[in-house]
Amino acid sequence: MADSNNSMSAFFVTRRRLLAGTATAAAAWPFQVKSRAAELTDGSSGADPALCLCGNWQKIHDETLALCREQQRLETHLARTVGFPCAKVRLADGTDVTLHSIESLNDAYSPENEVEWGRALADFAAHQARWDAADAEIGYSRTDELIRHSETAESALLDDLPQTAATSIEGILAKLEVILCDGEHWQHPDDFPWPHIRSVLGDLSRHHKNIDPATP
């Protein structure tokens, strides 16, 4: 039977991996490239398409992070004021457990504990109703929907990245930064190839600074 800890994941929908990577993402996007992206995303014929794409991706990515922080704040509020929906049920062997999903409750059913199970099911439905009412009032699920839309927009730009040629060193740097920023969120940042990409990115950044007469 699934335990209550496993079923808790149904309610913790906040993108904690994404939030954990926020500091890395900020460090991975040098100021000079962000400023150049702003300069070259005006639709002019001389704009680097890769830099434009990466600038748009970074803007949406920042919006996604802000939404994730807001959702986490709302989730914490709901957890403290209402509590994640759950119900206590006594199993056929006499053990009392707290379950956090209908699936877990259904797994706990047996003819021997039918009355107890029915009471637990009613308790869970009442708790879920309180959660849903509070959710509707503060907009927790609505924020999750906005995150999904934002993530979809991010993903679409990321899918276009390999087919978008860079026409400047800033565009090349920006493409590497986007790859690093997104990839490190979902894998351990010390595993291959992330340290290697950071090394190449650092080499290119230093080389570009040394040869660019406009760079102070």
N, C-alpha and C. Protein backbone atom coordinates (compact mmCIF):
# COMPACT_ATOMS: atom_id res chain seq x y z
N MET A 1 0.83 -1.20 0.00
CA MET A 1 0.00 0.00 0.00
C MET A 1 0.87 1.25 0.00
N ALA A 2 0.48 2.23 -0.78
CA ALA A 2 1.26 3.47 -0.82
C ALA A 2 1.16 4.19 0.49
N ASP A 3 2.29 4.73 1.00
CA ASP A 3 2.23 5.45 2.26
C ASP A 3 1.90 6.90 2.01
N SER A 4 1.62 7.62 3.12
CA SER A 4 1.15 8.99 3.01
C SER A 4 2.23 9.91 2.45
N ASN A 5 3.50 9.62 2.72
CA ASN A 5 4.56 10.49 2.23
C ASN A 5 4.62 10.50 0.71
N ASN A 6 4.42 9.32 0.09
CA ASN A 6 4.46 9.25 -1.36
C ASN A 6 3.30 10.01 -1.98
N SER A 7 2.12 9.93 -1.39
CA SER A 7 0.96 10.59 -1.96
C SER A 7 0.98 12.09 -1.78
N MET A 8 1.85 12.60 -0.89
CA MET A 8 1.93 14.04 -0.69
C MET A 8 2.36 14.77 -1.97
N SER A 9 3.07 14.07 -2.86
CA SER A 9 3.58 14.73 -4.06
C SER A 9 2.46 15.25 -4.94
N ALA A 10 1.25 14.71 -4.80
CA ALA A 10 0.13 15.19 -5.59
C ALA A 10 -0.22 16.63 -5.26
N PHE A 11 0.13 17.07 -4.06
CA PHE A 11 -0.22 18.42 -3.64
C PHE A 11 0.96 19.38 -3.73
N PHE A 12 2.18 18.88 -3.68
CA PHE A 12 3.34 19.76 -3.78
C PHE A 12 3.70 19.95 -5.25
N VAL A 13 2.94 20.82 -5.93
CA VAL A 13 3.14 21.01 -7.36
C VAL A 13 4.08 22.16 -7.65
N THR A 14 4.53 22.87 -6.63
CA THR A 14 5.47 23.97 -6.84
C THR A 14 6.75 23.46 -7.47
N ARG A 15 7.30 24.22 -8.39
CA ARG A 15 8.52 23.81 -9.09
C ARG A 15 9.74 24.09 -8.21
N ARG A 16 9.98 23.23 -7.25
CA ARG A 16 11.06 23.51 -6.30
C ARG A 16 12.43 23.39 -6.96
N ARG A 17 12.57 22.50 -7.94
CA ARG A 17 13.85 22.41 -8.64
C ARG A 17 14.15 23.72 -9.36
N LEU A 18 13.12 24.28 -9.98
CA LEU A 18 13.31 25.53 -10.69
C LEU A 18 13.73 26.63 -9.74
N LEU A 19 13.07 26.73 -8.58
CA LEU A 19 13.41 27.75 -7.61
C LEU A 19 14.81 27.53 -7.05
N ALA A 20 15.19 26.28 -6.88
CA ALA A 20 16.52 25.99 -6.34
C ALA A 20 17.61 26.45 -7.29
N GLY A 21 17.29 26.54 -8.58
CA GLY A 21 18.29 26.95 -9.54
C GLY A 21 18.31 28.43 -9.82
N THR A 22 17.53 29.22 -9.09
CA THR A 22 17.43 30.64 -9.36
C THR A 22 18.77 31.34 -9.25
N ALA A 23 19.51 31.06 -8.18
CA ALA A 23 20.80 31.74 -7.98
C ALA A 23 21.77 31.39 -9.09
N THR A 24 21.80 30.13 -9.50
CA THR A 24 22.68 29.71 -10.58
C THR A 24 22.30 30.40 -11.88
N ALA A 25 20.98 30.51 -12.12
CA ALA A 25 20.51 31.14 -13.35
C ALA A 25 20.94 32.59 -13.40
N ALA A 26 20.82 33.30 -12.29
CA ALA A 26 21.19 34.71 -12.26
C ALA A 26 22.68 34.88 -12.52
N ALA A 27 23.48 33.98 -11.94
CA ALA A 27 24.93 34.10 -12.12
C ALA A 27 25.35 33.73 -13.54
N ALA A 28 24.55 32.91 -14.21
CA ALA A 28 24.94 32.40 -15.52
C ALA A 28 24.66 33.37 -16.65
N TRP A 29 23.99 34.46 -16.38
CA TRP A 29 23.61 35.39 -17.43
C TRP A 29 24.35 36.70 -17.23
N PRO A 30 25.53 36.88 -17.82
CA PRO A 30 26.34 38.07 -17.59
C PRO A 30 25.60 39.34 -17.96
N PHE A 31 25.88 40.41 -17.24
CA PHE A 31 25.22 41.69 -17.46
C PHE A 31 25.44 42.18 -18.88
N GLN A 32 26.66 41.98 -19.42
CA GLN A 32 26.94 42.52 -20.75
C GLN A 32 26.06 41.86 -21.80
N VAL A 33 25.74 40.57 -21.63
CA VAL A 33 24.91 39.89 -22.61
C VAL A 33 23.46 40.30 -22.44
N LYS A 34 23.02 40.47 -21.19
CA LYS A 34 21.65 40.91 -20.98
C LYS A 34 21.43 42.28 -21.59
N SER A 35 22.38 43.17 -21.41
CA SER A 35 22.23 44.51 -21.95
C SER A 35 22.28 44.49 -23.48
N ARG A 36 23.15 43.65 -24.05
CA ARG A 36 23.22 43.55 -25.51
C ARG A 36 21.95 42.93 -26.07
N ALA A 37 21.36 41.99 -25.34
CA ALA A 37 20.10 41.40 -25.79
C ALA A 37 19.02 42.46 -25.86
N ALA A 38 19.00 43.34 -24.88
CA ALA A 38 18.01 44.41 -24.88
C ALA A 38 18.22 45.34 -26.07
N GLU A 39 19.48 45.59 -26.43
CA GLU A 39 19.78 46.47 -27.55
C GLU A 39 19.41 45.85 -28.89
N LEU A 40 19.55 44.51 -28.99
CA LEU A 40 19.41 43.86 -30.29
C LEU A 40 18.10 43.12 -30.47
N THR A 41 17.09 43.39 -29.66
CA THR A 41 15.79 42.75 -29.81
C THR A 41 14.73 43.75 -30.25
N ASP A 42 15.14 44.75 -31.03
CA ASP A 42 14.21 45.78 -31.46
C ASP A 42 13.65 45.53 -32.85
N GLY A 43 13.93 44.36 -33.43
CA GLY A 43 13.39 44.02 -34.73
C GLY A 43 14.19 44.59 -35.89
N SER A 44 15.31 45.20 -35.63
CA SER A 44 16.11 45.78 -36.71
C SER A 44 16.77 44.67 -37.52
N SER A 45 17.16 45.02 -38.76
CA SER A 45 17.72 44.01 -39.65
C SER A 45 19.05 43.49 -39.15
N GLY A 46 19.73 44.27 -38.30
CA GLY A 46 21.03 43.84 -37.80
C GLY A 46 20.96 43.02 -36.54
N ALA A 47 19.77 42.75 -36.05
CA ALA A 47 19.65 42.01 -34.80
C ALA A 47 20.06 40.56 -34.98
N ASP A 48 20.76 40.02 -33.99
CA ASP A 48 21.13 38.61 -33.98
C ASP A 48 19.90 37.81 -33.60
N PRO A 49 19.39 36.92 -34.46
CA PRO A 49 18.18 36.17 -34.13
C PRO A 49 18.34 35.29 -32.90
N ALA A 50 19.54 34.73 -32.71
CA ALA A 50 19.76 33.89 -31.53
C ALA A 50 19.73 34.72 -30.26
N LEU A 51 20.33 35.90 -30.31
CA LEU A 51 20.33 36.76 -29.14
C LEU A 51 18.92 37.25 -28.83
N CYS A 52 18.16 37.55 -29.87
CA CYS A 52 16.76 37.95 -29.67
C CYS A 52 15.98 36.83 -29.00
N LEU A 53 16.14 35.61 -29.52
CA LEU A 53 15.43 34.47 -28.96
C LEU A 53 15.81 34.25 -27.49
N CYS A 54 17.11 34.31 -27.21
CA CYS A 54 17.57 34.08 -25.85
C CYS A 54 17.09 35.17 -24.90
N GLY A 55 17.06 36.41 -25.40
CA GLY A 55 16.54 37.49 -24.57
C GLY A 55 15.08 37.28 -24.23
N ASN A 56 14.30 36.83 -25.22
CA ASN A 56 12.88 36.53 -24.97
C ASN A 56 12.73 35.37 -24.00
N TRP A 57 13.57 34.34 -24.19
CA TRP A 57 13.51 33.19 -23.27
C TRP A 57 13.81 33.63 -21.85
N GLN A 58 14.85 34.46 -21.67
CA GLN A 58 15.21 34.90 -20.33
C GLN A 58 14.08 35.69 -19.68
N LYS A 59 13.41 36.53 -20.47
CA LYS A 59 12.29 37.33 -19.94
C LYS A 59 11.18 36.41 -19.44
N ILE A 60 10.81 35.42 -20.26
CA ILE A 60 9.75 34.50 -19.85
C ILE A 60 10.20 33.63 -18.69
N HIS A 61 11.46 33.24 -18.70
CA HIS A 61 12.00 32.44 -17.61
C HIS A 61 11.92 33.20 -16.28
N ASP A 62 12.27 34.49 -16.31
CA ASP A 62 12.17 35.31 -15.10
C ASP A 62 10.72 35.40 -14.63
N GLU A 63 9.79 35.51 -15.56
CA GLU A 63 8.36 35.55 -15.20
C GLU A 63 7.92 34.22 -14.58
N THR A 64 8.43 33.11 -15.12
CA THR A 64 8.11 31.79 -14.56
C THR A 64 8.61 31.68 -13.12
N LEU A 65 9.83 32.14 -12.88
CA LEU A 65 10.39 32.11 -11.53
C LEU A 65 9.55 32.93 -10.57
N ALA A 66 9.12 34.11 -11.01
CA ALA A 66 8.29 34.96 -10.15
C ALA A 66 6.97 34.28 -9.82
N LEU A 67 6.38 33.62 -10.81
CA LEU A 67 5.13 32.89 -10.57
C LEU A 67 5.35 31.72 -9.63
N CYS A 68 6.48 31.03 -9.77
CA CYS A 68 6.78 29.91 -8.88
C CYS A 68 6.93 30.37 -7.43
N ARG A 69 7.58 31.51 -7.24
CA ARG A 69 7.73 32.05 -5.88
C ARG A 69 6.36 32.40 -5.30
N GLU A 70 5.51 32.99 -6.13
CA GLU A 70 4.18 33.35 -5.66
C GLU A 70 3.37 32.09 -5.33
N GLN A 71 3.47 31.08 -6.18
CA GLN A 71 2.74 29.84 -5.91
C GLN A 71 3.23 29.18 -4.62
N GLN A 72 4.55 29.22 -4.41
CA GLN A 72 5.09 28.64 -3.19
C GLN A 72 4.57 29.38 -1.96
N ARG A 73 4.47 30.71 -2.07
CA ARG A 73 3.93 31.50 -0.96
C ARG A 73 2.47 31.13 -0.69
N LEU A 74 1.68 30.97 -1.76
CA LEU A 74 0.27 30.61 -1.60
C LEU A 74 0.13 29.19 -1.06
N GLU A 75 0.98 28.29 -1.51
CA GLU A 75 0.95 26.91 -1.03
C GLU A 75 1.25 26.86 0.47
N THR A 76 2.26 27.63 0.89
CA THR A 76 2.60 27.69 2.31
C THR A 76 1.44 28.23 3.12
N HIS A 77 0.77 29.26 2.59
CA HIS A 77 -0.39 29.82 3.28
C HIS A 77 -1.49 28.78 3.42
N LEU A 78 -1.80 28.05 2.35
CA LEU A 78 -2.83 27.02 2.41
C LEU A 78 -2.45 25.91 3.39
N ALA A 79 -1.19 25.51 3.36
CA ALA A 79 -0.75 24.44 4.25
C ALA A 79 -0.89 24.83 5.71
N ARG A 80 -0.62 26.11 6.01
CA ARG A 80 -0.70 26.57 7.40
C ARG A 80 -2.12 26.81 7.86
N THR A 81 -2.96 27.32 6.98
CA THR A 81 -4.32 27.70 7.38
C THR A 81 -5.34 26.59 7.20
N VAL A 82 -5.17 25.76 6.19
CA VAL A 82 -6.14 24.69 5.90
C VAL A 82 -5.53 23.32 6.10
N GLY A 83 -4.27 23.19 5.71
CA GLY A 83 -3.62 21.88 5.77
C GLY A 83 -3.89 21.09 4.50
N PHE A 84 -2.91 20.31 4.07
CA PHE A 84 -3.11 19.50 2.89
C PHE A 84 -4.21 18.47 3.16
N PRO A 85 -5.15 18.29 2.23
CA PRO A 85 -6.25 17.35 2.44
C PRO A 85 -5.76 15.97 2.86
N CYS A 86 -6.35 15.45 3.92
CA CYS A 86 -5.94 14.15 4.44
C CYS A 86 -7.07 13.59 5.30
N ALA A 87 -6.92 12.34 5.66
CA ALA A 87 -7.88 11.69 6.56
C ALA A 87 -7.18 10.55 7.27
N LYS A 88 -7.56 10.33 8.51
CA LYS A 88 -7.04 9.20 9.27
C LYS A 88 -7.97 8.00 9.09
N VAL A 89 -7.37 6.85 8.94
CA VAL A 89 -8.16 5.63 8.78
C VAL A 89 -7.48 4.50 9.54
N ARG A 90 -8.28 3.64 10.11
CA ARG A 90 -7.76 2.46 10.81
C ARG A 90 -7.81 1.28 9.86
N LEU A 91 -6.68 0.66 9.65
CA LEU A 91 -6.60 -0.49 8.76
C LEU A 91 -7.16 -1.74 9.42
N ALA A 92 -7.30 -2.76 8.61
CA ALA A 92 -7.88 -4.01 9.12
C ALA A 92 -7.06 -4.61 10.23
N ASP A 93 -5.74 -4.35 10.25
CA ASP A 93 -4.88 -4.90 11.30
C ASP A 93 -4.85 -4.03 12.56
N GLY A 94 -5.66 -2.96 12.57
CA GLY A 94 -5.74 -2.08 13.73
C GLY A 94 -4.78 -0.90 13.70
N THR A 95 -3.95 -0.79 12.67
CA THR A 95 -3.01 0.31 12.55
C THR A 95 -3.71 1.58 12.09
N ASP A 96 -3.43 2.71 12.74
CA ASP A 96 -3.97 4.01 12.33
C ASP A 96 -2.95 4.70 11.42
N VAL A 97 -3.42 5.15 10.25
CA VAL A 97 -2.55 5.86 9.31
C VAL A 97 -3.26 7.12 8.82
N THR A 98 -2.46 8.10 8.43
CA THR A 98 -2.99 9.32 7.82
C THR A 98 -2.65 9.28 6.34
N LEU A 99 -3.68 9.40 5.51
CA LEU A 99 -3.51 9.30 4.06
C LEU A 99 -3.88 10.63 3.40
N HIS A 100 -3.21 10.91 2.27
CA HIS A 100 -3.33 12.23 1.65
C HIS A 100 -3.83 12.18 0.21
N SER A 101 -4.48 11.12 -0.18
CA SER A 101 -5.07 11.06 -1.52
C SER A 101 -6.20 10.04 -1.53
N ILE A 102 -7.13 10.23 -2.47
CA ILE A 102 -8.22 9.27 -2.64
C ILE A 102 -7.66 7.91 -3.03
N GLU A 103 -6.61 7.91 -3.85
CA GLU A 103 -6.01 6.65 -4.27
C GLU A 103 -5.52 5.84 -3.07
N SER A 104 -4.85 6.53 -2.13
CA SER A 104 -4.36 5.83 -0.94
C SER A 104 -5.51 5.32 -0.08
N LEU A 105 -6.56 6.12 0.00
CA LEU A 105 -7.74 5.68 0.76
C LEU A 105 -8.38 4.46 0.11
N ASN A 106 -8.47 4.48 -1.21
CA ASN A 106 -9.04 3.31 -1.89
C ASN A 106 -8.19 2.06 -1.67
N ASP A 107 -6.87 2.25 -1.65
CA ASP A 107 -5.99 1.11 -1.38
C ASP A 107 -6.18 0.56 0.03
N ALA A 108 -6.60 1.44 0.94
CA ALA A 108 -6.76 1.04 2.34
C ALA A 108 -8.08 0.33 2.61
N TYR A 109 -8.95 0.29 1.63
CA TYR A 109 -10.27 -0.31 1.85
C TYR A 109 -10.19 -1.83 1.98
N SER A 110 -11.01 -2.34 2.89
CA SER A 110 -11.23 -3.78 3.00
C SER A 110 -12.61 -3.98 3.61
N PRO A 111 -13.23 -5.10 3.37
CA PRO A 111 -14.56 -5.33 3.97
C PRO A 111 -14.55 -5.21 5.49
N GLU A 112 -13.42 -5.53 6.11
CA GLU A 112 -13.34 -5.48 7.58
C GLU A 112 -13.37 -4.05 8.10
N ASN A 113 -12.92 -3.09 7.31
CA ASN A 113 -12.90 -1.71 7.82
C ASN A 113 -13.80 -0.79 7.00
N GLU A 114 -14.87 -1.35 6.44
CA GLU A 114 -15.72 -0.58 5.54
C GLU A 114 -16.33 0.65 6.22
N VAL A 115 -16.80 0.50 7.44
CA VAL A 115 -17.41 1.64 8.14
C VAL A 115 -16.36 2.71 8.42
N GLU A 116 -15.22 2.28 8.93
CA GLU A 116 -14.13 3.22 9.22
C GLU A 116 -13.65 3.89 7.94
N TRP A 117 -13.56 3.11 6.88
CA TRP A 117 -13.12 3.64 5.59
C TRP A 117 -14.10 4.69 5.06
N GLY A 118 -15.39 4.42 5.19
CA GLY A 118 -16.40 5.38 4.73
C GLY A 118 -16.32 6.69 5.49
N ARG A 119 -16.07 6.62 6.78
CA ARG A 119 -15.93 7.84 7.58
C ARG A 119 -14.70 8.62 7.13
N ALA A 120 -13.60 7.90 6.89
CA ALA A 120 -12.38 8.56 6.46
C ALA A 120 -12.57 9.22 5.09
N LEU A 121 -13.31 8.55 4.21
CA LEU A 121 -13.58 9.10 2.89
C LEU A 121 -14.37 10.41 3.00
N ALA A 122 -15.36 10.43 3.90
CA ALA A 122 -16.15 11.65 4.11
C ALA A 122 -15.29 12.76 4.71
N ASP A 123 -14.41 12.40 5.64
CA ASP A 123 -13.51 13.39 6.23
C ASP A 123 -12.60 13.99 5.17
N PHE A 124 -12.08 13.13 4.30
CA PHE A 124 -11.19 13.62 3.24
C PHE A 124 -11.93 14.57 2.31
N ALA A 125 -13.17 14.21 1.91
CA ALA A 125 -13.94 15.06 1.01
C ALA A 125 -14.21 16.43 1.65
N ALA A 126 -14.50 16.46 2.95
CA ALA A 126 -14.73 17.73 3.64
C ALA A 126 -13.47 18.58 3.69
N HIS A 127 -12.35 17.92 3.96
CA HIS A 127 -11.07 18.64 4.01
C HIS A 127 -10.71 19.17 2.62
N GLN A 128 -10.95 18.36 1.59
CA GLN A 128 -10.67 18.80 0.22
C GLN A 128 -11.54 20.00 -0.15
N ALA A 129 -12.79 20.00 0.30
CA ALA A 129 -13.69 21.12 0.01
C ALA A 129 -13.19 22.41 0.66
N ARG A 130 -12.66 22.30 1.87
CA ARG A 130 -12.11 23.49 2.54
C ARG A 130 -10.89 24.01 1.78
N TRP A 131 -10.04 23.06 1.35
CA TRP A 131 -8.85 23.44 0.57
C TRP A 131 -9.28 24.13 -0.73
N ASP A 132 -10.24 23.56 -1.44
CA ASP A 132 -10.68 24.11 -2.72
C ASP A 132 -11.26 25.51 -2.55
N ALA A 133 -12.01 25.72 -1.47
CA ALA A 133 -12.61 27.03 -1.23
C ALA A 133 -11.53 28.08 -0.98
N ALA A 134 -10.54 27.71 -0.16
CA ALA A 134 -9.44 28.64 0.13
C ALA A 134 -8.61 28.88 -1.13
N ASP A 135 -8.40 27.83 -1.91
CA ASP A 135 -7.66 27.93 -3.17
C ASP A 135 -8.35 28.93 -4.10
N ALA A 136 -9.65 28.80 -4.25
CA ALA A 136 -10.40 29.70 -5.14
C ALA A 136 -10.31 31.14 -4.66
N GLU A 137 -10.23 31.33 -3.35
CA GLU A 137 -10.19 32.69 -2.80
C GLU A 137 -8.85 33.37 -3.05
N ILE A 138 -7.74 32.61 -2.93
CA ILE A 138 -6.42 33.26 -3.06
C ILE A 138 -5.76 33.03 -4.41
N GLY A 139 -6.29 32.11 -5.24
CA GLY A 139 -5.76 31.93 -6.59
C GLY A 139 -4.58 31.01 -6.73
N TYR A 140 -4.48 30.01 -5.86
CA TYR A 140 -3.35 29.07 -5.93
C TYR A 140 -3.36 28.28 -7.25
N SER A 141 -4.48 27.66 -7.58
CA SER A 141 -4.56 26.86 -8.80
C SER A 141 -4.43 27.74 -10.04
N ARG A 142 -4.96 28.95 -9.97
CA ARG A 142 -4.82 29.87 -11.09
C ARG A 142 -3.35 30.20 -11.33
N THR A 143 -2.60 30.36 -10.27
CA THR A 143 -1.17 30.63 -10.42
C THR A 143 -0.47 29.43 -11.06
N ASP A 144 -0.87 28.23 -10.67
CA ASP A 144 -0.29 27.03 -11.27
C ASP A 144 -0.59 26.98 -12.77
N GLU A 145 -1.78 27.38 -13.16
CA GLU A 145 -2.13 27.42 -14.58
C GLU A 145 -1.25 28.42 -15.34
N LEU A 146 -1.02 29.58 -14.73
CA LEU A 146 -0.15 30.58 -15.36
C LEU A 146 1.27 30.06 -15.51
N ILE A 147 1.74 29.30 -14.50
CA ILE A 147 3.08 28.71 -14.58
C ILE A 147 3.15 27.74 -15.75
N ARG A 148 2.13 26.94 -15.93
CA ARG A 148 2.13 25.97 -17.03
C ARG A 148 2.20 26.69 -18.39
N HIS A 149 1.45 27.78 -18.53
CA HIS A 149 1.50 28.55 -19.78
C HIS A 149 2.89 29.13 -19.99
N SER A 150 3.47 29.66 -18.92
CA SER A 150 4.79 30.26 -19.02
C SER A 150 5.84 29.20 -19.36
N GLU A 151 5.74 28.05 -18.73
CA GLU A 151 6.68 26.97 -19.02
C GLU A 151 6.55 26.49 -20.47
N THR A 152 5.32 26.46 -20.97
CA THR A 152 5.11 26.07 -22.37
C THR A 152 5.78 27.04 -23.32
N ALA A 153 5.66 28.35 -23.02
CA ALA A 153 6.32 29.37 -23.85
C ALA A 153 7.83 29.23 -23.78
N GLU A 154 8.37 28.97 -22.59
CA GLU A 154 9.81 28.74 -22.44
C GLU A 154 10.26 27.56 -23.28
N SER A 155 9.50 26.48 -23.18
CA SER A 155 9.86 25.25 -23.88
C SER A 155 9.85 25.44 -25.39
N ALA A 156 8.88 26.21 -25.89
CA ALA A 156 8.79 26.45 -27.33
C ALA A 156 10.03 27.20 -27.82
N LEU A 157 10.45 28.21 -27.07
CA LEU A 157 11.66 28.95 -27.46
C LEU A 157 12.89 28.07 -27.37
N LEU A 158 12.94 27.22 -26.34
CA LEU A 158 14.08 26.31 -26.20
C LEU A 158 14.15 25.34 -27.37
N ASP A 159 12.98 24.88 -27.83
CA ASP A 159 12.95 23.97 -28.98
C ASP A 159 13.45 24.66 -30.25
N ASP A 160 13.23 25.97 -30.35
CA ASP A 160 13.68 26.72 -31.53
C ASP A 160 15.17 27.04 -31.49
N LEU A 161 15.79 26.93 -30.31
CA LEU A 161 17.17 27.36 -30.16
C LEU A 161 18.16 26.64 -31.09
N PRO A 162 18.08 25.30 -31.23
CA PRO A 162 19.07 24.63 -32.09
C PRO A 162 18.98 25.05 -33.56
N GLN A 163 17.79 25.49 -34.00
CA GLN A 163 17.62 25.88 -35.39
C GLN A 163 17.86 27.37 -35.62
N THR A 164 18.21 28.10 -34.56
CA THR A 164 18.42 29.54 -34.67
C THR A 164 19.91 29.85 -34.63
N ALA A 165 20.45 30.25 -35.78
CA ALA A 165 21.89 30.50 -35.87
C ALA A 165 22.25 31.83 -35.22
N ALA A 166 23.35 31.83 -34.50
CA ALA A 166 23.86 33.06 -33.91
C ALA A 166 24.74 33.78 -34.93
N THR A 167 24.61 35.10 -35.01
CA THR A 167 25.41 35.88 -35.94
C THR A 167 26.38 36.82 -35.21
N SER A 168 26.52 36.63 -33.90
CA SER A 168 27.45 37.44 -33.11
C SER A 168 27.98 36.61 -31.96
N ILE A 169 29.08 37.05 -31.37
CA ILE A 169 29.63 36.34 -30.22
C ILE A 169 28.66 36.42 -29.05
N GLU A 170 27.92 37.54 -28.96
CA GLU A 170 26.92 37.65 -27.88
C GLU A 170 25.83 36.59 -28.04
N GLY A 171 25.44 36.34 -29.30
CA GLY A 171 24.43 35.32 -29.55
C GLY A 171 24.91 33.93 -29.17
N ILE A 172 26.19 33.63 -29.47
CA ILE A 172 26.76 32.34 -29.09
C ILE A 172 26.79 32.21 -27.57
N LEU A 173 27.24 33.26 -26.89
CA LEU A 173 27.27 33.25 -25.42
C LEU A 173 25.87 33.06 -24.86
N ALA A 174 24.91 33.77 -25.44
CA ALA A 174 23.54 33.69 -24.93
C ALA A 174 22.97 32.29 -25.09
N LYS A 175 23.25 31.63 -26.22
CA LYS A 175 22.75 30.26 -26.43
C LYS A 175 23.33 29.32 -25.38
N LEU A 176 24.62 29.44 -25.12
CA LEU A 176 25.24 28.60 -24.09
C LEU A 176 24.63 28.87 -22.72
N GLU A 177 24.36 30.14 -22.45
CA GLU A 177 23.81 30.51 -21.14
C GLU A 177 22.42 29.94 -20.94
N VAL A 178 21.60 29.97 -22.00
CA VAL A 178 20.26 29.41 -21.91
C VAL A 178 20.33 27.90 -21.68
N ILE A 179 21.19 27.23 -22.42
CA ILE A 179 21.36 25.78 -22.25
C ILE A 179 21.79 25.46 -20.83
N LEU A 180 22.76 26.21 -20.32
CA LEU A 180 23.26 25.99 -18.97
C LEU A 180 22.18 26.28 -17.94
N CYS A 181 21.50 27.41 -18.11
CA CYS A 181 20.48 27.83 -17.15
C CYS A 181 19.37 26.79 -17.05
N ASP A 182 18.88 26.31 -18.19
CA ASP A 182 17.79 25.34 -18.18
C ASP A 182 18.26 23.97 -17.71
N GLY A 183 19.41 23.53 -18.22
CA GLY A 183 19.87 22.18 -17.91
C GLY A 183 20.22 21.97 -16.46
N GLU A 184 20.83 22.99 -15.83
CA GLU A 184 21.25 22.83 -14.43
C GLU A 184 20.05 22.72 -13.48
N HIS A 185 18.89 23.19 -13.91
CA HIS A 185 17.72 23.10 -13.04
C HIS A 185 17.27 21.66 -12.82
N TRP A 186 17.49 20.83 -13.84
CA TRP A 186 16.92 19.49 -13.81
C TRP A 186 17.95 18.40 -13.55
N GLN A 187 19.22 18.76 -13.55
CA GLN A 187 20.26 17.80 -13.25
C GLN A 187 21.24 18.41 -12.26
N HIS A 188 22.08 17.58 -11.68
CA HIS A 188 23.05 18.09 -10.71
C HIS A 188 24.05 18.98 -11.42
N PRO A 189 24.25 20.22 -10.95
CA PRO A 189 25.11 21.17 -11.66
C PRO A 189 26.58 20.78 -11.70
N ASP A 190 26.99 19.83 -10.87
CA ASP A 190 28.39 19.40 -10.88
C ASP A 190 28.63 18.21 -11.79
N ASP A 191 27.56 17.67 -12.38
CA ASP A 191 27.70 16.52 -13.27
C ASP A 191 27.98 16.98 -14.70
N PHE A 192 28.60 16.10 -15.48
CA PHE A 192 28.81 16.37 -16.91
C PHE A 192 27.44 16.57 -17.58
N PRO A 193 27.30 17.58 -18.49
CA PRO A 193 28.35 18.43 -19.05
C PRO A 193 28.38 19.84 -18.47
N TRP A 194 27.69 20.08 -17.35
CA TRP A 194 27.49 21.46 -16.91
C TRP A 194 28.78 22.18 -16.50
N PRO A 195 29.71 21.56 -15.75
CA PRO A 195 30.97 22.27 -15.49
C PRO A 195 31.74 22.57 -16.77
N HIS A 196 31.63 21.68 -17.75
CA HIS A 196 32.35 21.85 -19.00
C HIS A 196 31.75 23.01 -19.81
N ILE A 197 30.44 23.10 -19.79
CA ILE A 197 29.78 24.22 -20.49
C ILE A 197 30.12 25.53 -19.80
N ARG A 198 30.13 25.53 -18.47
CA ARG A 198 30.51 26.76 -17.75
C ARG A 198 31.93 27.17 -18.10
N SER A 199 32.82 26.18 -18.25
CA SER A 199 34.20 26.49 -18.59
C SER A 199 34.30 27.12 -19.98
N VAL A 200 33.60 26.53 -20.95
CA VAL A 200 33.60 27.08 -22.31
C VAL A 200 33.00 28.48 -22.32
N LEU A 201 31.91 28.65 -21.58
CA LEU A 201 31.25 29.95 -21.50
C LEU A 201 32.18 31.00 -20.91
N GLY A 202 32.91 30.63 -19.88
CA GLY A 202 33.86 31.55 -19.27
C GLY A 202 35.00 31.90 -20.22
N ASP A 203 35.50 30.90 -20.97
CA ASP A 203 36.56 31.15 -21.93
C ASP A 203 36.10 32.12 -23.01
N LEU A 204 34.92 31.88 -23.56
CA LEU A 204 34.39 32.74 -24.61
C LEU A 204 34.15 34.16 -24.10
N SER A 205 33.61 34.26 -22.88
CA SER A 205 33.34 35.58 -22.31
C SER A 205 34.63 36.37 -22.14
N ARG A 206 35.67 35.72 -21.60
CA ARG A 206 36.95 36.41 -21.40
C ARG A 206 37.59 36.79 -22.74
N HIS A 207 37.51 35.88 -23.70
CA HIS A 207 38.09 36.15 -25.01
C HIS A 207 37.37 37.32 -25.67
N HIS A 208 36.05 37.31 -25.60
CA HIS A 208 35.27 38.39 -26.21
C HIS A 208 35.58 39.73 -25.54
N LYS A 209 35.73 39.73 -24.23
CA LYS A 209 36.03 40.97 -23.53
C LYS A 209 37.40 41.49 -23.94
N ASN A 210 38.35 40.59 -24.17
CA ASN A 210 39.71 41.01 -24.51
C ASN A 210 39.79 41.60 -25.92
N ILE A 211 38.93 41.12 -26.84
CA ILE A 211 39.03 41.59 -28.22
C ILE A 211 38.02 42.67 -28.56
N ASP A 212 37.06 42.92 -27.67
CA ASP A 212 36.02 43.91 -27.96
C ASP A 212 36.49 45.27 -27.47
N PRO A 213 36.80 46.21 -28.36
CA PRO A 213 37.30 47.52 -27.93
C PRO A 213 36.25 48.33 -27.22
N ALA A 214 34.97 47.98 -27.39
CA ALA A 214 33.90 48.73 -26.73
C ALA A 214 33.72 48.31 -25.28
N THR A 215 34.34 47.19 -24.88
CA THR A 215 34.18 46.68 -23.53
C THR A 215 35.17 47.36 -22.62
N PRO A 216 34.69 47.99 -21.52
CA PRO A 216 35.62 48.69 -20.61
C PRO A 216 36.52 47.71 -19.88
